[in-house]
C-alpha atoms as a PDB file:
ATOM      1  CA  MET A   1     -77.310 -93.198 -55.402  1.00  0.00           C
ATOM      2  CA  ILE A   2     -78.576 -95.905 -57.493  1.00  0.00           C
ATOM      3  CA  ARG A   3     -80.691 -96.793 -54.538  1.00  0.00           C
ATOM      4  CA  LEU A   4     -82.205 -93.607 -54.189  1.00  0.00           C
ATOM      5  CA  ARG A   5     -83.030 -93.450 -57.655  1.00  0.00           C
ATOM      6  CA  GLY A   6     -85.037 -96.269 -58.019  1.00  0.00           C
ATOM      7  CA  LEU A   7     -86.470 -95.228 -54.284  1.00  0.00           C
ATOM      8  CA  LEU A   8     -87.277 -91.943 -56.333  1.00  0.00           C
ATOM      9  CA  ALA A   9     -88.633 -93.583 -59.369  1.00  0.00           C
ATOM     10  CA  ARG A  10     -90.584 -96.096 -57.077  1.00  0.00           C
ATOM     11  CA  HIS A  11     -92.376 -93.072 -54.533  1.00  0.00           C
ATOM     12  CA  TRP A  12     -92.152 -90.111 -56.560  1.00  0.00           C
ATOM     13  CA  ALA A  13     -95.982 -90.229 -57.770  1.00  0.00           C
ATOM     14  CA  PRO A  14     -97.301 -90.791 -54.282  1.00  0.00           C
ATOM     15  CA  CYS A  15     -95.286 -88.842 -52.352  1.00  0.00           C
ATOM     16  CA  TYR A  16     -96.139 -86.126 -54.986  1.00  0.00           C
ATOM     17  CA  ARG A  17     -99.590 -86.843 -54.783  1.00  0.00           C
ATOM     18  CA  VAL A  18     -99.676 -86.703 -50.203  1.00  0.00           C
ATOM     19  CA  ALA A  19     -97.569 -83.132 -51.075  1.00  0.00           C
ATOM     20  CA  LEU A  20    -100.336 -81.936 -53.117  1.00  0.00           C
ATOM     21  CA  SER A  21    -103.100 -82.933 -50.683  1.00  0.00           C
ATOM     22  CA  ALA A  22    -101.514 -81.754 -47.971  1.00  0.00           C
ATOM     23  CA  THR A  23    -100.474 -78.365 -49.242  1.00  0.00           C
ATOM     24  CA  ARG A  24    -103.290 -77.534 -51.686  1.00  0.00           C
ATOM     25  CA  ASP A  25    -100.386 -75.508 -53.649  1.00  0.00           C
ATOM     26  CA  SER A  26     -99.335 -76.239 -57.150  1.00  0.00           C
ATOM     27  CA  ALA A  27     -96.228 -73.928 -56.736  1.00  0.00           C
ATOM     28  CA  GLY A  28     -95.478 -75.487 -53.495  1.00  0.00           C
ATOM     29  CA  VAL A  29     -95.709 -79.042 -53.791  1.00  0.00           C
ATOM     30  CA  GLU A  30     -92.563 -79.876 -56.199  1.00  0.00           C
ATOM     31  CA  ASP A  31     -90.784 -78.101 -52.877  1.00  0.00           C
ATOM     32  CA  ALA A  32     -92.590 -80.370 -50.089  1.00  0.00           C
ATOM     33  CA  ALA A  33     -92.212 -83.725 -51.766  1.00  0.00           C
ATOM     34  CA  GLN A  34     -88.143 -82.773 -52.241  1.00  0.00           C
ATOM     35  CA  GLU A  35     -88.351 -81.773 -48.679  1.00  0.00           C
ATOM     36  CA  ALA A  36     -89.944 -85.308 -47.794  1.00  0.00           C
ATOM     37  CA  PHE A  37     -87.100 -87.012 -49.595  1.00  0.00           C
ATOM     38  CA  ALA A  38     -84.491 -84.840 -48.466  1.00  0.00           C
ATOM     39  CA  ALA A  39     -85.182 -86.203 -44.928  1.00  0.00           C
ATOM     40  CA  LEU A  40     -85.341 -89.065 -45.756  1.00  0.00           C
ATOM     41  CA  THR A  41     -82.342 -89.080 -47.391  1.00  0.00           C
ATOM     42  CA  LYS A  42     -80.556 -87.258 -44.543  1.00  0.00           C
ATOM     43  CA  ALA A  43     -81.959 -89.756 -41.792  1.00  0.00           C
ATOM     44  CA  VAL A  44     -80.474 -92.599 -43.631  1.00  0.00           C
ATOM     45  CA  ARG A  45     -77.529 -91.505 -44.327  1.00  0.00           C
ATOM     46  CA  GLU A  46     -77.303 -90.886 -40.725  1.00  0.00           C
ATOM     47  CA  ASP A  47     -78.827 -93.732 -39.442  1.00  0.00           C
ATOM     48  CA  GLN A  48     -81.812 -92.693 -37.869  1.00  0.00           C
ATOM     49  CA  PRO A  49     -85.233 -93.659 -37.827  1.00  0.00           C
ATOM     50  CA  VAL A  50     -88.026 -91.984 -40.167  1.00  0.00           C
ATOM     51  CA  TRP A  51     -91.360 -91.138 -38.132  1.00  0.00           C
ATOM     52  CA  GLY A  52     -93.015 -89.782 -40.622  1.00  0.00           C
ATOM     53  CA  LEU A  53     -93.215 -86.445 -42.740  1.00  0.00           C
ATOM     54  CA  GLY A  54     -93.985 -84.360 -39.183  1.00  0.00           C
ATOM     55  CA  GLY A  55     -90.905 -85.466 -38.299  1.00  0.00           C
ATOM     56  CA  GLY A  56     -92.440 -86.053 -34.491  1.00  0.00           C
ATOM     57  CA  LYS A  57     -91.924 -89.464 -33.165  1.00  0.00           C
ATOM     58  CA  PRO A  58     -95.609 -91.627 -33.653  1.00  0.00           C
ATOM     59  CA  GLY A  59     -98.094 -90.614 -30.734  1.00  0.00           C
END
């Protein structure tokens, strides 16, 4: 849990900026950033590779 807090503290602002630039929606940007971190933590828990925000393998 402490590692997750450190990850959030370090990467929340950049993740938020990327989500804002992708959504251009100030109301939905926090949801998008939270979804990205939720997907990341799920992948880590399940020991799965993380390919990106879109969820697909790179091209």
